[in-house]
């Protein structure tokens, strides 16, 4: 489905599936609200179904966003860790480095 969307609309999809499913579910819930108001068919069961669809979409978007932020934080931590290890080589005297290597 992603390849079809990329070809059809020439859009770069770089997020996970939860993000796009969440967007679709939120749009469906908004469209159902409009349809209920236009058709004057708004009942408590319709409200419950719309609320559940909207909540499900919001949770999927939230999960996708948290996963992306966690992934970006992990990459930043790895980058900073490599910089610290690289700068540590310049700070330690050479005789301590040889000693550390023998112990390992």
C-alpha atoms as a PDB file:
ATOM      1  CA  UNK A   1       0.000   0.000   0.000  1.00  0.00           C
ATOM      2  CA  UNK A   2       2.861   2.372   0.778  1.00  0.00           C
ATOM      3  CA  UNK A   3       4.371   1.896  -2.670  1.00  0.00           C
ATOM      4  CA  UNK A   4       1.016   2.592  -4.307  1.00  0.00           C
ATOM      5  CA  UNK A   5       0.613   5.822  -2.308  1.00  0.00           C
ATOM      6  CA  UNK A   6       4.173   6.873  -3.179  1.00  0.00           C
ATOM      7  CA  UNK A   7       3.535   6.308  -6.894  1.00  0.00           C
ATOM      8  CA  UNK A   8       0.051   7.789  -6.961  1.00  0.00           C
ATOM      9  CA  UNK A   9       0.599  10.963  -4.968  1.00  0.00           C
ATOM     10  CA  UNK A  10       4.406  11.269  -5.196  1.00  0.00           C
ATOM     11  CA  UNK A  11       4.687  11.665  -1.422  1.00  0.00           C
ATOM     12  CA  UNK A  12       7.666  10.661   0.694  1.00  0.00           C
ATOM     13  CA  UNK A  13       6.368   8.415   3.483  1.00  0.00           C
ATOM     14  CA  UNK A  14       9.059   8.258   6.133  1.00  0.00           C
ATOM     15  CA  UNK A  15       7.058   7.479   9.288  1.00  0.00           C
ATOM     16  CA  UNK A  16       5.857   4.121  10.547  1.00  0.00           C
ATOM     17  CA  UNK A  17       2.436   2.643   9.786  1.00  0.00           C
ATOM     18  CA  UNK A  18       0.966   3.642  13.171  1.00  0.00           C
ATOM     19  CA  UNK A  19       1.300   7.301  12.234  1.00  0.00           C
ATOM     20  CA  UNK A  20      -0.626   6.977   8.986  1.00  0.00           C
ATOM     21  CA  UNK A  21      -3.302   4.690  10.446  1.00  0.00           C
ATOM     22  CA  UNK A  22      -3.772   7.155  13.294  1.00  0.00           C
ATOM     23  CA  UNK A  23      -4.254   9.999  10.825  1.00  0.00           C
ATOM     24  CA  UNK A  24      -6.768   7.964   8.836  1.00  0.00           C
ATOM     25  CA  UNK A  25      -8.746   7.071  11.968  1.00  0.00           C
ATOM     26  CA  UNK A  26      -8.828  10.692  13.151  1.00  0.00           C
ATOM     27  CA  UNK A  27     -10.075  11.834   9.757  1.00  0.00           C
ATOM     28  CA  UNK A  28     -12.738   9.116   9.749  1.00  0.00           C
ATOM     29  CA  UNK A  29     -13.966  10.190  13.169  1.00  0.00           C
ATOM     30  CA  UNK A  30     -14.198  13.822  12.049  1.00  0.00           C
ATOM     31  CA  UNK A  31     -16.044  12.815   8.882  1.00  0.00           C
ATOM     32  CA  UNK A  32     -18.454  10.700  10.914  1.00  0.00           C
ATOM     33  CA  UNK A  33     -19.138  13.658  13.221  1.00  0.00           C
ATOM     34  CA  UNK A  34     -19.932  15.840  10.218  1.00  0.00           C
ATOM     35  CA  UNK A  35     -22.144  13.129   8.729  1.00  0.00           C
ATOM     36  CA  UNK A  36     -24.036  12.711  12.026  1.00  0.00           C
ATOM     37  CA  UNK A  37     -24.625  16.441  12.291  1.00  0.00           C
ATOM     38  CA  UNK A  38     -25.688  16.843   8.652  1.00  0.00           C
ATOM     39  CA  UNK A  39     -28.001  13.833   8.701  1.00  0.00           C
ATOM     40  CA  UNK A  40     -29.266  14.657  12.217  1.00  0.00           C
ATOM     41  CA  UNK A  41     -28.569  11.061  13.252  1.00  0.00           C
ATOM     42  CA  UNK A  42     -26.488  11.689  16.323  1.00  0.00           C
ATOM     43  CA  UNK A  43     -27.246   9.102  19.010  1.00  0.00           C
ATOM     44  CA  UNK A  44     -25.341   7.991  22.127  1.00  0.00           C
ATOM     45  CA  UNK A  45     -24.088   4.833  20.387  1.00  0.00           C
ATOM     46  CA  UNK A  46     -22.819   6.937  17.475  1.00  0.00           C
ATOM     47  CA  UNK A  47     -21.004   9.176  19.947  1.00  0.00           C
ATOM     48  CA  UNK A  48     -19.388   6.150  21.606  1.00  0.00           C
ATOM     49  CA  UNK A  49     -18.226   4.676  18.304  1.00  0.00           C
ATOM     50  CA  UNK A  50     -16.868   8.024  17.110  1.00  0.00           C
ATOM     51  CA  UNK A  51     -15.138   8.586  20.452  1.00  0.00           C
ATOM     52  CA  UNK A  52     -13.490   5.144  20.307  1.00  0.00           C
ATOM     53  CA  UNK A  53     -12.308   5.673  16.720  1.00  0.00           C
ATOM     54  CA  UNK A  54     -10.919   9.099  17.611  1.00  0.00           C
ATOM     55  CA  UNK A  55      -9.207   7.726  20.721  1.00  0.00           C
ATOM     56  CA  UNK A  56      -7.681   4.844  18.817  1.00  0.00           C
ATOM     57  CA  UNK A  57      -6.307   7.220  16.184  1.00  0.00           C
ATOM     58  CA  UNK A  58      -4.889   9.517  18.846  1.00  0.00           C
ATOM     59  CA  UNK A  59      -3.176   6.616  20.630  1.00  0.00           C
ATOM     60  CA  UNK A  60      -1.607   5.421  17.372  1.00  0.00           C
ATOM     61  CA  UNK A  61      -0.300   8.915  16.633  1.00  0.00           C
ATOM     62  CA  UNK A  62       1.035   9.253  20.162  1.00  0.00           C
ATOM     63  CA  UNK A  63       2.798   5.877  19.984  1.00  0.00           C
ATOM     64  CA  UNK A  64       4.359   6.717  16.639  1.00  0.00           C
ATOM     65  CA  UNK A  65       5.572  10.085  17.892  1.00  0.00           C
ATOM     66  CA  UNK A  66       7.064   8.576  21.052  1.00  0.00           C
ATOM     67  CA  UNK A  67       8.813   5.856  19.054  1.00  0.00           C
ATOM     68  CA  UNK A  68      10.300   8.435  16.693  1.00  0.00           C
ATOM     69  CA  UNK A  69      11.490  10.655  19.548  1.00  0.00           C
ATOM     70  CA  UNK A  70      13.014   7.663  21.340  1.00  0.00           C
ATOM     71  CA  UNK A  71      14.830   6.625  18.167  1.00  0.00           C
ATOM     72  CA  UNK A  72      16.176  10.155  17.646  1.00  0.00           C
ATOM     73  CA  UNK A  73      17.306  10.325  21.282  1.00  0.00           C
ATOM     74  CA  UNK A  74      19.074   6.975  20.970  1.00  0.00           C
ATOM     75  CA  UNK A  75      20.946   8.176  17.875  1.00  0.00           C
ATOM     76  CA  UNK A  76      21.976  11.384  19.649  1.00  0.00           C
ATOM     77  CA  UNK A  77      23.162   9.443  22.714  1.00  0.00           C
ATOM     78  CA  UNK A  78      25.240   7.118  20.531  1.00  0.00           C
ATOM     79  CA  UNK A  79      26.751  10.101  18.730  1.00  0.00           C
ATOM     80  CA  UNK A  80      27.643  11.835  21.993  1.00  0.00           C
ATOM     81  CA  UNK A  81      29.055   8.622  23.432  1.00  0.00           C
ATOM     82  CA  UNK A  82      31.361   8.181  20.446  1.00  0.00           C
ATOM     83  CA  UNK A  83      32.522  11.799  20.788  1.00  0.00           C
ATOM     84  CA  UNK A  84      33.242  11.288  24.492  1.00  0.00           C
ATOM     85  CA  UNK A  85      35.211   8.115  23.793  1.00  0.00           C
ATOM     86  CA  UNK A  86      37.131   9.843  21.024  1.00  0.00           C
ATOM     87  CA  UNK A  87      37.967  12.878  23.187  1.00  0.00           C
ATOM     88  CA  UNK A  88      38.929  10.587  26.073  1.00  0.00           C
ATOM     89  CA  UNK A  89      41.806   9.285  23.967  1.00  0.00           C
ATOM     90  CA  UNK A  90      43.276  12.795  23.847  1.00  0.00           C
ATOM     91  CA  UNK A  91      42.902  13.436  27.573  1.00  0.00           C
ATOM     92  CA  UNK A  92      44.446  10.277  29.007  1.00  0.00           C
ATOM     93  CA  UNK A  93      48.222   9.923  29.020  1.00  0.00           C
ATOM     94  CA  UNK A  94      49.589   7.229  26.764  1.00  0.00           C
ATOM     95  CA  UNK A  95      50.982   5.086  29.587  1.00  0.00           C
ATOM     96  CA  UNK A  96      47.464   4.816  31.141  1.00  0.00           C
ATOM     97  CA  UNK A  97      45.991   3.711  27.840  1.00  0.00           C
ATOM     98  CA  UNK A  98      48.558   0.930  27.525  1.00  0.00           C
ATOM     99  CA  UNK A  99      47.812  -0.146  31.079  1.00  0.00           C
ATOM    100  CA  UNK A 100      44.053  -0.206  30.408  1.00  0.00           C
ATOM    101  CA  UNK A 101      44.519  -2.310  27.300  1.00  0.00           C
ATOM    102  CA  UNK A 102      46.617  -4.876  29.175  1.00  0.00           C
ATOM    103  CA  UNK A 103      43.909  -5.268  31.837  1.00  0.00           C
ATOM    104  CA  UNK A 104      41.193  -5.851  29.267  1.00  0.00           C
END
